[in-house]
Amino acid sequence: MTDDFAEELDPPQQQRHESSQLDTLRDAGFDGDFEIRGDELVLSGHGPVDPRQVHVDLQYRFEGASDPDDESVVLGLHDPVSGARGVLISAYGPAASGAEADVLAVLAANPSCNPT
């Protein structure tokens, strides 16, 4: 991924919130939906995927306006096995459940994880 592509997807700070980032990722071709179910990363319509093989192409982190511990992350993911590209929205930091924290840690440990 080039820096020019990342700059196209990165709106000014005052425009950054989950819904605008989700729209930006959808427009960039991240049209699938990933979710964390139990302790698994699941691609809607396809079933569980191995988070050790999934690439994090883009990430956006957010803090709650009134509570900085209310954190979330929006990830643009790519599953090289199926070729699917999609979005994962998850709690992050202290707000994350144990399962969310575990899956996010596995995604971050992937050597192909190179988010912008």
C-alpha atoms as a PDB file:
ATOM      1  CA  MET A   1       0.000   0.000   0.000  1.00  0.00           C
ATOM      2  CA  THR A   2       1.406   3.371  -0.948  1.00  0.00           C
ATOM      3  CA  ASP A   3       1.537   6.426   1.260  1.00  0.00           C
ATOM      4  CA  ASP A   4      -0.565   8.263  -1.332  1.00  0.00           C
ATOM      5  CA  PHE A   5      -3.377   5.718  -0.860  1.00  0.00           C
ATOM      6  CA  ALA A   6      -3.197   6.094   2.923  1.00  0.00           C
ATOM      7  CA  GLU A   7      -3.374   9.885   2.612  1.00  0.00           C
ATOM      8  CA  GLU A   8      -6.505   9.582   0.448  1.00  0.00           C
ATOM      9  CA  LEU A   9      -8.186   7.538   3.179  1.00  0.00           C
ATOM     10  CA  ASP A  10      -7.113   9.757   6.079  1.00  0.00           C
ATOM     11  CA  PRO A  11      -9.533  12.691   6.457  1.00  0.00           C
ATOM     12  CA  PRO A  12      -8.691  15.746   8.567  1.00  0.00           C
ATOM     13  CA  GLN A  13      -8.834  15.144  12.334  1.00  0.00           C
ATOM     14  CA  GLN A  14     -12.091  17.064  12.805  1.00  0.00           C
ATOM     15  CA  GLN A  15     -13.853  14.686  10.371  1.00  0.00           C
ATOM     16  CA  ARG A  16     -12.673  11.487  12.043  1.00  0.00           C
ATOM     17  CA  HIS A  17     -15.392   9.410  13.624  1.00  0.00           C
ATOM     18  CA  GLU A  18     -16.379   5.784  13.202  1.00  0.00           C
ATOM     19  CA  SER A  19     -19.144   6.256  10.639  1.00  0.00           C
ATOM     20  CA  SER A  20     -17.048   8.427   8.312  1.00  0.00           C
ATOM     21  CA  GLN A  21     -14.115   6.010   8.535  1.00  0.00           C
ATOM     22  CA  LEU A  22     -16.442   3.085   7.854  1.00  0.00           C
ATOM     23  CA  ASP A  23     -17.767   4.879   4.754  1.00  0.00           C
ATOM     24  CA  THR A  24     -14.206   5.610   3.639  1.00  0.00           C
ATOM     25  CA  LEU A  25     -13.206   1.950   4.002  1.00  0.00           C
ATOM     26  CA  ARG A  26     -16.345   0.759   2.169  1.00  0.00           C
ATOM     27  CA  ASP A  27     -15.554   3.151  -0.689  1.00  0.00           C
ATOM     28  CA  ALA A  28     -12.010   1.699  -0.805  1.00  0.00           C
ATOM     29  CA  GLY A  29     -13.350  -1.840  -1.327  1.00  0.00           C
ATOM     30  CA  PHE A  30     -13.490  -3.157   2.236  1.00  0.00           C
ATOM     31  CA  ASP A  31     -17.029  -4.436   1.686  1.00  0.00           C
ATOM     32  CA  GLY A  32     -17.109  -7.488   3.972  1.00  0.00           C
ATOM     33  CA  ASP A  33     -17.918  -7.560   7.673  1.00  0.00           C
ATOM     34  CA  PHE A  34     -15.657  -9.169  10.250  1.00  0.00           C
ATOM     35  CA  GLU A  35     -16.746  -9.661  13.839  1.00  0.00           C
ATOM     36  CA  ILE A  36     -15.425 -11.272  16.983  1.00  0.00           C
ATOM     37  CA  ARG A  37     -17.750 -14.079  18.092  1.00  0.00           C
ATOM     38  CA  GLY A  38     -16.699 -15.887  21.212  1.00  0.00           C
ATOM     39  CA  ASP A  39     -12.961 -16.206  20.764  1.00  0.00           C
ATOM     40  CA  GLU A  40     -13.036 -16.346  16.953  1.00  0.00           C
ATOM     41  CA  LEU A  41     -12.677 -13.844  14.153  1.00  0.00           C
ATOM     42  CA  VAL A  42     -15.619 -14.427  11.810  1.00  0.00           C
ATOM     43  CA  LEU A  43     -16.171 -13.134   8.281  1.00  0.00           C
ATOM     44  CA  SER A  44     -19.921 -12.743   7.776  1.00  0.00           C
ATOM     45  CA  GLY A  45     -21.189 -15.132   5.129  1.00  0.00           C
ATOM     46  CA  HIS A  46     -17.982 -17.201   5.222  1.00  0.00           C
ATOM     47  CA  GLY A  47     -17.497 -18.302   8.829  1.00  0.00           C
ATOM     48  CA  PRO A  48     -14.415 -18.286  11.065  1.00  0.00           C
ATOM     49  CA  VAL A  49     -11.061 -17.147   9.686  1.00  0.00           C
ATOM     50  CA  ASP A  50      -7.610 -17.589  11.180  1.00  0.00           C
ATOM     51  CA  PRO A  51      -6.611 -14.181  12.604  1.00  0.00           C
ATOM     52  CA  ARG A  52      -2.938 -15.220  12.331  1.00  0.00           C
ATOM     53  CA  GLN A  53      -3.306 -15.042   8.537  1.00  0.00           C
ATOM     54  CA  VAL A  54      -5.448 -11.910   8.256  1.00  0.00           C
ATOM     55  CA  HIS A  55      -3.700  -8.685   7.268  1.00  0.00           C
ATOM     56  CA  VAL A  56      -4.551  -5.351   8.889  1.00  0.00           C
ATOM     57  CA  ASP A  57      -4.316  -2.872   6.012  1.00  0.00           C
ATOM     58  CA  LEU A  58      -5.736   0.202   7.745  1.00  0.00           C
ATOM     59  CA  GLN A  59      -6.651   1.121  11.293  1.00  0.00           C
ATOM     60  CA  TYR A  60      -8.371   4.027  12.976  1.00  0.00           C
ATOM     61  CA  ARG A  61      -8.606   4.435  16.752  1.00  0.00           C
ATOM     62  CA  PHE A  62     -11.165   6.528  18.585  1.00  0.00           C
ATOM     63  CA  GLU A  63     -11.665   7.800  22.142  1.00  0.00           C
ATOM     64  CA  GLY A  64     -14.976   8.705  23.711  1.00  0.00           C
ATOM     65  CA  ALA A  65     -15.561  12.449  23.933  1.00  0.00           C
ATOM     66  CA  SER A  66     -16.420  12.339  27.616  1.00  0.00           C
ATOM     67  CA  ASP A  67     -14.452   9.230  28.629  1.00  0.00           C
ATOM     68  CA  PRO A  68     -10.971   8.640  27.169  1.00  0.00           C
ATOM     69  CA  ASP A  69     -11.163   5.008  28.355  1.00  0.00           C
ATOM     70  CA  ASP A  70     -14.114   4.460  26.000  1.00  0.00           C
ATOM     71  CA  GLU A  71     -11.936   3.431  23.064  1.00  0.00           C
ATOM     72  CA  SER A  72     -12.749   1.702  19.801  1.00  0.00           C
ATOM     73  CA  VAL A  73     -10.901   0.679  16.688  1.00  0.00           C
ATOM     74  CA  VAL A  74     -12.024   0.374  13.059  1.00  0.00           C
ATOM     75  CA  LEU A  75      -9.839  -1.976  11.035  1.00  0.00           C
ATOM     76  CA  GLY A  76      -9.634  -2.563   7.291  1.00  0.00           C
ATOM     77  CA  LEU A  77      -8.803  -6.278   7.052  1.00  0.00           C
ATOM     78  CA  HIS A  78      -7.753  -8.537   4.191  1.00  0.00           C
ATOM     79  CA  ASP A  79      -8.029 -12.336   4.345  1.00  0.00           C
ATOM     80  CA  PRO A  80      -5.501 -13.661   1.801  1.00  0.00           C
ATOM     81  CA  VAL A  81      -7.036 -17.158   1.931  1.00  0.00           C
ATOM     82  CA  SER A  82     -10.475 -16.079   0.664  1.00  0.00           C
ATOM     83  CA  GLY A  83      -9.379 -12.780  -0.887  1.00  0.00           C
ATOM     84  CA  ALA A  84     -12.076 -11.000   1.127  1.00  0.00           C
ATOM     85  CA  ARG A  85     -11.582  -7.444   2.331  1.00  0.00           C
ATOM     86  CA  GLY A  86     -13.738  -6.141   5.126  1.00  0.00           C
ATOM     87  CA  VAL A  87     -14.131  -4.071   8.248  1.00  0.00           C
ATOM     88  CA  LEU A  88     -13.897  -4.954  11.927  1.00  0.00           C
ATOM     89  CA  ILE A  89     -15.204  -2.520  14.542  1.00  0.00           C
ATOM     90  CA  SER A  90     -14.206  -3.431  18.075  1.00  0.00           C
ATOM     91  CA  ALA A  91     -13.783  -2.021  21.534  1.00  0.00           C
ATOM     92  CA  TYR A  92     -10.146  -1.302  22.296  1.00  0.00           C
ATOM     93  CA  GLY A  93      -8.010  -0.852  25.393  1.00  0.00           C
ATOM     94  CA  PRO A  94      -9.793  -1.038  28.767  1.00  0.00           C
ATOM     95  CA  ALA A  95     -13.203  -1.219  27.075  1.00  0.00           C
ATOM     96  CA  ALA A  96     -12.336  -4.421  25.158  1.00  0.00           C
ATOM     97  CA  SER A  97     -13.553  -7.796  26.354  1.00  0.00           C
ATOM     98  CA  GLY A  98     -11.008 -10.556  26.898  1.00  0.00           C
ATOM     99  CA  ALA A  99     -11.962 -12.166  23.573  1.00  0.00           C
ATOM    100  CA  GLU A 100     -11.647  -8.852  21.699  1.00  0.00           C
ATOM    101  CA  ALA A 101      -8.265  -8.149  23.275  1.00  0.00           C
ATOM    102  CA  ASP A 102      -7.042 -11.659  22.380  1.00  0.00           C
ATOM    103  CA  VAL A 103      -8.100 -11.435  18.719  1.00  0.00           C
ATOM    104  CA  LEU A 104      -6.693  -7.901  18.365  1.00  0.00           C
ATOM    105  CA  ALA A 105      -3.376  -9.065  19.855  1.00  0.00           C
ATOM    106  CA  VAL A 106      -3.170 -11.929  17.346  1.00  0.00           C
ATOM    107  CA  LEU A 107      -3.935  -9.550  14.462  1.00  0.00           C
ATOM    108  CA  ALA A 108      -1.257  -7.106  15.678  1.00  0.00           C
ATOM    109  CA  ALA A 109       1.336  -9.904  15.985  1.00  0.00           C
ATOM    110  CA  ASN A 110       0.991 -10.862  12.314  1.00  0.00           C
ATOM    111  CA  PRO A 111       4.246  -9.923  10.533  1.00  0.00           C
ATOM    112  CA  SER A 112       2.136  -8.844   7.530  1.00  0.00           C
ATOM    113  CA  CYS A 113       0.250  -6.385   9.733  1.00  0.00           C
ATOM    114  CA  ASN A 114       1.277  -3.003   8.402  1.00  0.00           C
ATOM    115  CA  PRO A 115      -1.580  -0.626   9.130  1.00  0.00           C
ATOM    116  CA  THR A 116      -1.434   3.038   8.315  1.00  0.00           C
END
